All heavy atoms as atom14 arrays in JSON, in Angstrom:
{
  "sequence": "TRNYADSVKGRFTISRDLAKNTGYLQMNNLK",
  "atom14_mask": [
    [1, 1, 1, 1, 1, 1, 1, 0, 0, 0, 0, 0, 0, 0],
    [1, 1, 1, 1, 1, 1, 1, 1, 1, 1, 1, 0, 0, 0],
    [1, 1, 1, 1, 1, 1, 1, 1, 0, 0, 0, 0, 0, 0],
    [1, 1, 1, 1, 1, 1, 1, 1, 1, 1, 1, 1, 0, 0],
    [1, 1, 1, 1, 1, 0, 0, 0, 0, 0, 0, 0, 0, 0],
    [1, 1, 1, 1, 1, 1, 1, 1, 0, 0, 0, 0, 0, 0],
    [1, 1, 1, 1, 1, 1, 0, 0, 0, 0, 0, 0, 0, 0],
    [1, 1, 1, 1, 1, 1, 1, 0, 0, 0, 0, 0, 0, 0],
    [1, 1, 1, 1, 1, 1, 1, 1, 1, 0, 0, 0, 0, 0],
    [1, 1, 1, 1, 0, 0, 0, 0, 0, 0, 0, 0, 0, 0],
    [1, 1, 1, 1, 1, 1, 1, 1, 1, 1, 1, 0, 0, 0],
    [1, 1, 1, 1, 1, 1, 1, 1, 1, 1, 1, 0, 0, 0],
    [1, 1, 1, 1, 1, 1, 1, 0, 0, 0, 0, 0, 0, 0],
    [1, 1, 1, 1, 1, 1, 1, 1, 0, 0, 0, 0, 0, 0],
    [1, 1, 1, 1, 1, 1, 0, 0, 0, 0, 0, 0, 0, 0],
    [1, 1, 1, 1, 1, 1, 1, 1, 1, 1, 1, 0, 0, 0],
    [1, 1, 1, 1, 1, 1, 1, 1, 0, 0, 0, 0, 0, 0],
    [1, 1, 1, 1, 1, 1, 1, 1, 0, 0, 0, 0, 0, 0],
    [1, 1, 1, 1, 1, 0, 0, 0, 0, 0, 0, 0, 0, 0],
    [1, 1, 1, 1, 1, 1, 1, 1, 1, 0, 0, 0, 0, 0],
    [1, 1, 1, 1, 1, 1, 1, 1, 0, 0, 0, 0, 0, 0],
    [1, 1, 1, 1, 1, 1, 1, 0, 0, 0, 0, 0, 0, 0],
    [1, 1, 1, 1, 0, 0, 0, 0, 0, 0, 0, 0, 0, 0],
    [1, 1, 1, 1, 1, 1, 1, 1, 1, 1, 1, 1, 0, 0],
    [1, 1, 1, 1, 1, 1, 1, 1, 0, 0, 0, 0, 0, 0],
    [1, 1, 1, 1, 1, 1, 1, 1, 1, 0, 0, 0, 0, 0],
    [1, 1, 1, 1, 1, 1, 1, 1, 0, 0, 0, 0, 0, 0],
    [1, 1, 1, 1, 1, 1, 1, 1, 0, 0, 0, 0, 0, 0],
    [1, 1, 1, 1, 1, 1, 1, 1, 0, 0, 0, 0, 0, 0],
    [1, 1, 1, 1, 1, 1, 1, 1, 0, 0, 0, 0, 0, 0],
    [1, 1, 1, 1, 1, 1, 1, 1, 1, 0, 0, 0, 0, 0]
  ],
  "atom14_positions": [
    [[50.6, 52.64, 9.68], [51.2, 51.6, 8.79], [52.4, 51.06, 9.44], [53.26, 51.78, 9.87], [51.56, 52.2, 7.39], [50.36, 52.7, 6.8], [52.17, 51.11, 6.56], [0.0, 0.0, 0.0], [0.0, 0.0, 0.0], [0.0, 0.0, 0.0], [0.0, 0.0, 0.0], [0.0, 0.0, 0.0], [0.0, 0.0, 0.0], [0.0, 0.0, 0.0]],
    [[52.5, 49.72, 9.45], [53.6, 49.04, 10.12], [54.49, 48.39, 9.11], [54.09, 47.99, 8.03], [53.06, 47.97, 11.04], [52.25, 48.45, 12.26], [51.46, 47.37, 12.95], [50.85, 47.82, 14.17], [49.7, 48.43, 14.25], [49.07, 48.73, 13.13], [49.21, 48.79, 15.43], [0.0, 0.0, 0.0], [0.0, 0.0, 0.0], [0.0, 0.0, 0.0]],
    [[55.79, 48.36, 9.51], [56.85, 47.79, 8.67], [57.74, 46.95, 9.54], [58.04, 47.4, 10.62], [57.58, 48.86, 7.93], [58.64, 48.28, 7.03], [58.39, 47.45, 6.19], [59.87, 48.78, 7.15], [0.0, 0.0, 0.0], [0.0, 0.0, 0.0], [0.0, 0.0, 0.0], [0.0, 0.0, 0.0], [0.0, 0.0, 0.0], [0.0, 0.0, 0.0]],
    [[58.13, 45.73, 9.03], [58.97, 44.88, 9.84], [60.13, 44.4, 9.04], [60.08, 44.19, 7.83], [58.21, 43.71, 10.38], [57.03, 43.99, 11.27], [55.73, 44.14, 10.81], [57.28, 44.13, 12.62], [54.71, 44.44, 11.66], [56.19, 44.45, 13.56], [54.94, 44.58, 13.01], [53.94, 44.84, 13.86], [0.0, 0.0, 0.0], [0.0, 0.0, 0.0]],
    [[61.24, 44.14, 9.72], [62.38, 43.5, 9.07], [61.92, 42.01, 8.85], [61.18, 41.42, 9.67], [63.6, 43.53, 10.0], [0.0, 0.0, 0.0], [0.0, 0.0, 0.0], [0.0, 0.0, 0.0], [0.0, 0.0, 0.0], [0.0, 0.0, 0.0], [0.0, 0.0, 0.0], [0.0, 0.0, 0.0], [0.0, 0.0, 0.0], [0.0, 0.0, 0.0]],
    [[62.48, 41.42, 7.81], [62.1, 40.07, 7.48], [62.42, 39.1, 8.64], [61.76, 38.1, 8.88], [62.78, 39.59, 6.26], [62.23, 40.24, 4.96], [61.09, 40.71, 5.04], [62.94, 40.18, 3.95], [0.0, 0.0, 0.0], [0.0, 0.0, 0.0], [0.0, 0.0, 0.0], [0.0, 0.0, 0.0], [0.0, 0.0, 0.0], [0.0, 0.0, 0.0]],
    [[63.47, 39.4, 9.33], [63.97, 38.52, 10.41], [63.0, 38.45, 11.6], [63.16, 37.57, 12.43], [65.36, 38.93, 10.82], [65.37, 40.28, 11.34], [0.0, 0.0, 0.0], [0.0, 0.0, 0.0], [0.0, 0.0, 0.0], [0.0, 0.0, 0.0], [0.0, 0.0, 0.0], [0.0, 0.0, 0.0], [0.0, 0.0, 0.0], [0.0, 0.0, 0.0]],
    [[62.11, 39.43, 11.73], [61.26, 39.44, 12.92], [59.76, 39.31, 12.55], [58.94, 39.24, 13.45], [61.43, 40.73, 13.71], [62.89, 40.93, 14.09], [60.91, 41.93, 13.0], [0.0, 0.0, 0.0], [0.0, 0.0, 0.0], [0.0, 0.0, 0.0], [0.0, 0.0, 0.0], [0.0, 0.0, 0.0], [0.0, 0.0, 0.0], [0.0, 0.0, 0.0]],
    [[59.47, 39.26, 11.27], [58.05, 39.05, 10.83], [57.46, 37.87, 11.47], [58.05, 36.78, 11.49], [58.0, 39.07, 9.32], [58.12, 40.44, 8.65], [58.03, 40.25, 7.16], [58.12, 41.66, 6.46], [58.1, 41.54, 4.98], [0.0, 0.0, 0.0], [0.0, 0.0, 0.0], [0.0, 0.0, 0.0], [0.0, 0.0, 0.0], [0.0, 0.0, 0.0]],
    [[56.26, 38.01, 11.98], [55.53, 36.91, 12.6], [55.89, 36.66, 14.05], [55.29, 35.91, 14.75], [0.0, 0.0, 0.0], [0.0, 0.0, 0.0], [0.0, 0.0, 0.0], [0.0, 0.0, 0.0], [0.0, 0.0, 0.0], [0.0, 0.0, 0.0], [0.0, 0.0, 0.0], [0.0, 0.0, 0.0], [0.0, 0.0, 0.0], [0.0, 0.0, 0.0]],
    [[56.98, 37.34, 14.51], [57.41, 37.18, 15.9], [57.3, 38.45, 16.69], [56.94, 38.42, 17.88], [58.82, 36.69, 15.94], [59.09, 35.39, 15.28], [60.52, 34.84, 15.53], [61.54, 35.79, 15.02], [62.53, 36.28, 15.84], [62.55, 36.04, 17.13], [63.41, 37.12, 15.28], [0.0, 0.0, 0.0], [0.0, 0.0, 0.0], [0.0, 0.0, 0.0]],
    [[57.5, 39.61, 16.05], [57.45, 40.9, 16.77], [56.23, 41.65, 16.29], [55.85, 41.56, 15.11], [58.75, 41.72, 16.4], [60.04, 41.23, 17.02], [60.06, 39.98, 17.62], [61.11, 42.02, 16.99], [61.25, 39.51, 18.1], [62.35, 41.56, 17.53], [62.39, 40.3, 18.05], [0.0, 0.0, 0.0], [0.0, 0.0, 0.0], [0.0, 0.0, 0.0]],
    [[55.75, 42.46, 17.18], [54.57, 43.35, 16.83], [54.87, 44.72, 17.42], [55.06, 44.88, 18.65], [53.28, 42.79, 17.43], [53.03, 41.46, 16.95], [52.09, 43.72, 17.07], [0.0, 0.0, 0.0], [0.0, 0.0, 0.0], [0.0, 0.0, 0.0], [0.0, 0.0, 0.0], [0.0, 0.0, 0.0], [0.0, 0.0, 0.0], [0.0, 0.0, 0.0]],
    [[54.77, 45.75, 16.59], [54.89, 47.1, 17.0], [53.53, 47.74, 17.19], [52.55, 47.44, 16.35], [55.74, 47.95, 15.99], [56.14, 49.31, 16.55], [55.06, 48.1, 14.67], [57.12, 50.08, 15.78], [0.0, 0.0, 0.0], [0.0, 0.0, 0.0], [0.0, 0.0, 0.0], [0.0, 0.0, 0.0], [0.0, 0.0, 0.0], [0.0, 0.0, 0.0]],
    [[53.33, 48.52, 18.23], [52.07, 49.18, 18.48], [52.37, 50.47, 19.16], [53.49, 50.72, 19.66], [51.13, 48.3, 19.26], [51.72, 48.03, 20.58], [0.0, 0.0, 0.0], [0.0, 0.0, 0.0], [0.0, 0.0, 0.0], [0.0, 0.0, 0.0], [0.0, 0.0, 0.0], [0.0, 0.0, 0.0], [0.0, 0.0, 0.0], [0.0, 0.0, 0.0]],
    [[51.3, 51.26, 19.39], [51.46, 52.48, 20.15], [50.15, 52.93, 20.74], [49.05, 52.56, 20.21], [52.07, 53.6, 19.31], [51.21, 54.06, 18.17], [51.91, 55.15, 17.36], [51.01, 55.62, 16.29], [51.39, 56.45, 15.38], [52.63, 56.97, 15.44], [50.62, 56.81, 14.45], [0.0, 0.0, 0.0], [0.0, 0.0, 0.0], [0.0, 0.0, 0.0]],
    [[50.25, 53.67, 21.77], [49.09, 54.31, 22.44], [49.3, 55.83, 22.29], [50.11, 56.43, 23.0], [49.13, 53.86, 23.94], [47.87, 54.4, 24.7], [47.38, 55.48, 24.26], [47.51, 53.77, 25.64], [0.0, 0.0, 0.0], [0.0, 0.0, 0.0], [0.0, 0.0, 0.0], [0.0, 0.0, 0.0], [0.0, 0.0, 0.0], [0.0, 0.0, 0.0]],
    [[48.52, 56.39, 21.38], [48.73, 57.86, 21.09], [48.37, 58.68, 22.3], [49.02, 59.77, 22.46], [47.86, 58.22, 19.9], [48.26, 57.64, 18.55], [47.26, 58.06, 17.44], [49.71, 58.08, 18.2], [0.0, 0.0, 0.0], [0.0, 0.0, 0.0], [0.0, 0.0, 0.0], [0.0, 0.0, 0.0], [0.0, 0.0, 0.0], [0.0, 0.0, 0.0]],
    [[47.43, 58.27, 23.04], [47.03, 59.11, 24.25], [48.17, 59.14, 25.24], [48.35, 60.13, 25.98], [45.86, 58.46, 24.89], [0.0, 0.0, 0.0], [0.0, 0.0, 0.0], [0.0, 0.0, 0.0], [0.0, 0.0, 0.0], [0.0, 0.0, 0.0], [0.0, 0.0, 0.0], [0.0, 0.0, 0.0], [0.0, 0.0, 0.0], [0.0, 0.0, 0.0]],
    [[48.99, 58.13, 25.29], [50.11, 58.09, 26.24], [51.44, 58.44, 25.61], [52.47, 58.52, 26.28], [50.21, 56.69, 26.86], [49.01, 56.22, 27.67], [49.27, 54.87, 28.28], [48.13, 54.44, 29.14], [48.28, 53.09, 29.77], [0.0, 0.0, 0.0], [0.0, 0.0, 0.0], [0.0, 0.0, 0.0], [0.0, 0.0, 0.0], [0.0, 0.0, 0.0]],
    [[51.39, 58.69, 24.28], [52.7, 58.9, 23.5], [53.71, 57.82, 23.81], [54.89, 58.09, 24.02], [53.25, 60.28, 23.83], [52.53, 61.34, 23.09], [51.98, 61.16, 22.07], [52.6, 62.55, 23.6], [0.0, 0.0, 0.0], [0.0, 0.0, 0.0], [0.0, 0.0, 0.0], [0.0, 0.0, 0.0], [0.0, 0.0, 0.0], [0.0, 0.0, 0.0]],
    [[53.22, 56.61, 23.87], [54.09, 55.45, 24.15], [53.95, 54.42, 23.1], [52.84, 54.13, 22.72], [53.74, 54.88, 25.55], [53.91, 55.88, 26.55], [54.62, 53.69, 25.86], [0.0, 0.0, 0.0], [0.0, 0.0, 0.0], [0.0, 0.0, 0.0], [0.0, 0.0, 0.0], [0.0, 0.0, 0.0], [0.0, 0.0, 0.0], [0.0, 0.0, 0.0]],
    [[55.07, 53.87, 22.66], [55.02, 52.8, 21.69], [55.55, 51.5, 22.35], [56.24, 51.58, 23.45], [0.0, 0.0, 0.0], [0.0, 0.0, 0.0], [0.0, 0.0, 0.0], [0.0, 0.0, 0.0], [0.0, 0.0, 0.0], [0.0, 0.0, 0.0], [0.0, 0.0, 0.0], [0.0, 0.0, 0.0], [0.0, 0.0, 0.0], [0.0, 0.0, 0.0]],
    [[55.2, 50.37, 21.75], [55.65, 49.09, 22.27], [56.15, 48.23, 21.17], [55.83, 48.35, 20.0], [54.43, 48.44, 22.95], [53.69, 49.28, 23.96], [52.61, 50.08, 23.57], [54.2, 49.32, 25.24], [51.99, 50.83, 24.5], [53.56, 50.08, 26.17], [52.45, 50.92, 25.8], [51.81, 51.69, 26.77], [0.0, 0.0, 0.0], [0.0, 0.0, 0.0]],
    [[57.05, 47.31, 21.58], [57.56, 46.31, 20.69], [57.42, 44.96, 21.44], [58.14, 44.67, 22.32], [59.04, 46.53, 20.25], [59.53, 45.59, 19.25], [58.86, 45.71, 17.88], [61.05, 45.67, 19.08], [0.0, 0.0, 0.0], [0.0, 0.0, 0.0], [0.0, 0.0, 0.0], [0.0, 0.0, 0.0], [0.0, 0.0, 0.0], [0.0, 0.0, 0.0]],
    [[56.37, 44.23, 21.07], [56.17, 42.92, 21.62], [57.01, 41.88, 20.93], [56.81, 41.8, 19.65], [54.69, 42.53, 21.59], [54.37, 41.21, 22.09], [54.6, 41.03, 23.58], [54.17, 41.92, 24.31], [55.18, 39.95, 24.02], [0.0, 0.0, 0.0], [0.0, 0.0, 0.0], [0.0, 0.0, 0.0], [0.0, 0.0, 0.0], [0.0, 0.0, 0.0]],
    [[57.85, 41.21, 21.6], [58.8, 40.28, 20.97], [58.5, 38.89, 21.5], [58.69, 38.65, 22.69], [60.23, 40.72, 21.25], [60.53, 42.12, 20.9], [62.26, 42.57, 21.06], [62.45, 42.47, 22.84], [0.0, 0.0, 0.0], [0.0, 0.0, 0.0], [0.0, 0.0, 0.0], [0.0, 0.0, 0.0], [0.0, 0.0, 0.0], [0.0, 0.0, 0.0]],
    [[58.06, 38.0, 20.61], [57.83, 36.66, 20.97], [58.73, 35.67, 20.29], [59.38, 36.04, 19.29], [56.33, 36.3, 20.57], [55.29, 37.14, 21.32], [55.51, 37.59, 22.47], [54.19, 37.4, 20.64], [0.0, 0.0, 0.0], [0.0, 0.0, 0.0], [0.0, 0.0, 0.0], [0.0, 0.0, 0.0], [0.0, 0.0, 0.0], [0.0, 0.0, 0.0]],
    [[58.83, 34.47, 20.83], [59.7, 33.44, 20.27], [61.1, 34.0, 19.97], [61.67, 33.85, 18.88], [59.13, 32.87, 18.92], [59.8, 31.69, 18.4], [60.45, 30.98, 19.13], [59.66, 31.42, 17.12], [0.0, 0.0, 0.0], [0.0, 0.0, 0.0], [0.0, 0.0, 0.0], [0.0, 0.0, 0.0], [0.0, 0.0, 0.0], [0.0, 0.0, 0.0]],
    [[61.65, 34.57, 21.04], [62.98, 35.25, 20.88], [64.05, 34.19, 20.56], [64.0, 33.08, 21.14], [63.27, 36.03, 22.08], [62.54, 37.32, 22.19], [62.52, 37.92, 23.62], [63.23, 38.36, 21.22], [0.0, 0.0, 0.0], [0.0, 0.0, 0.0], [0.0, 0.0, 0.0], [0.0, 0.0, 0.0], [0.0, 0.0, 0.0], [0.0, 0.0, 0.0]],
    [[65.01, 34.63, 19.81], [66.14, 33.79, 19.41], [67.44, 34.46, 19.88], [67.5, 35.66, 20.07], [66.14, 33.59, 17.88], [64.87, 33.06, 17.27], [64.91, 33.01, 15.79], [63.57, 32.5, 15.21], [63.65, 32.44, 13.73], [0.0, 0.0, 0.0], [0.0, 0.0, 0.0], [0.0, 0.0, 0.0], [0.0, 0.0, 0.0], [0.0, 0.0, 0.0]]
  ]
}
């Protein structure tokens, strides 16, 4: 389950790779 701050909704995406124990934050349309 994902949760985002209102200020980044639609621009940022959180994800993770459980096999690698690595998470990511893709940030688009940065301000």
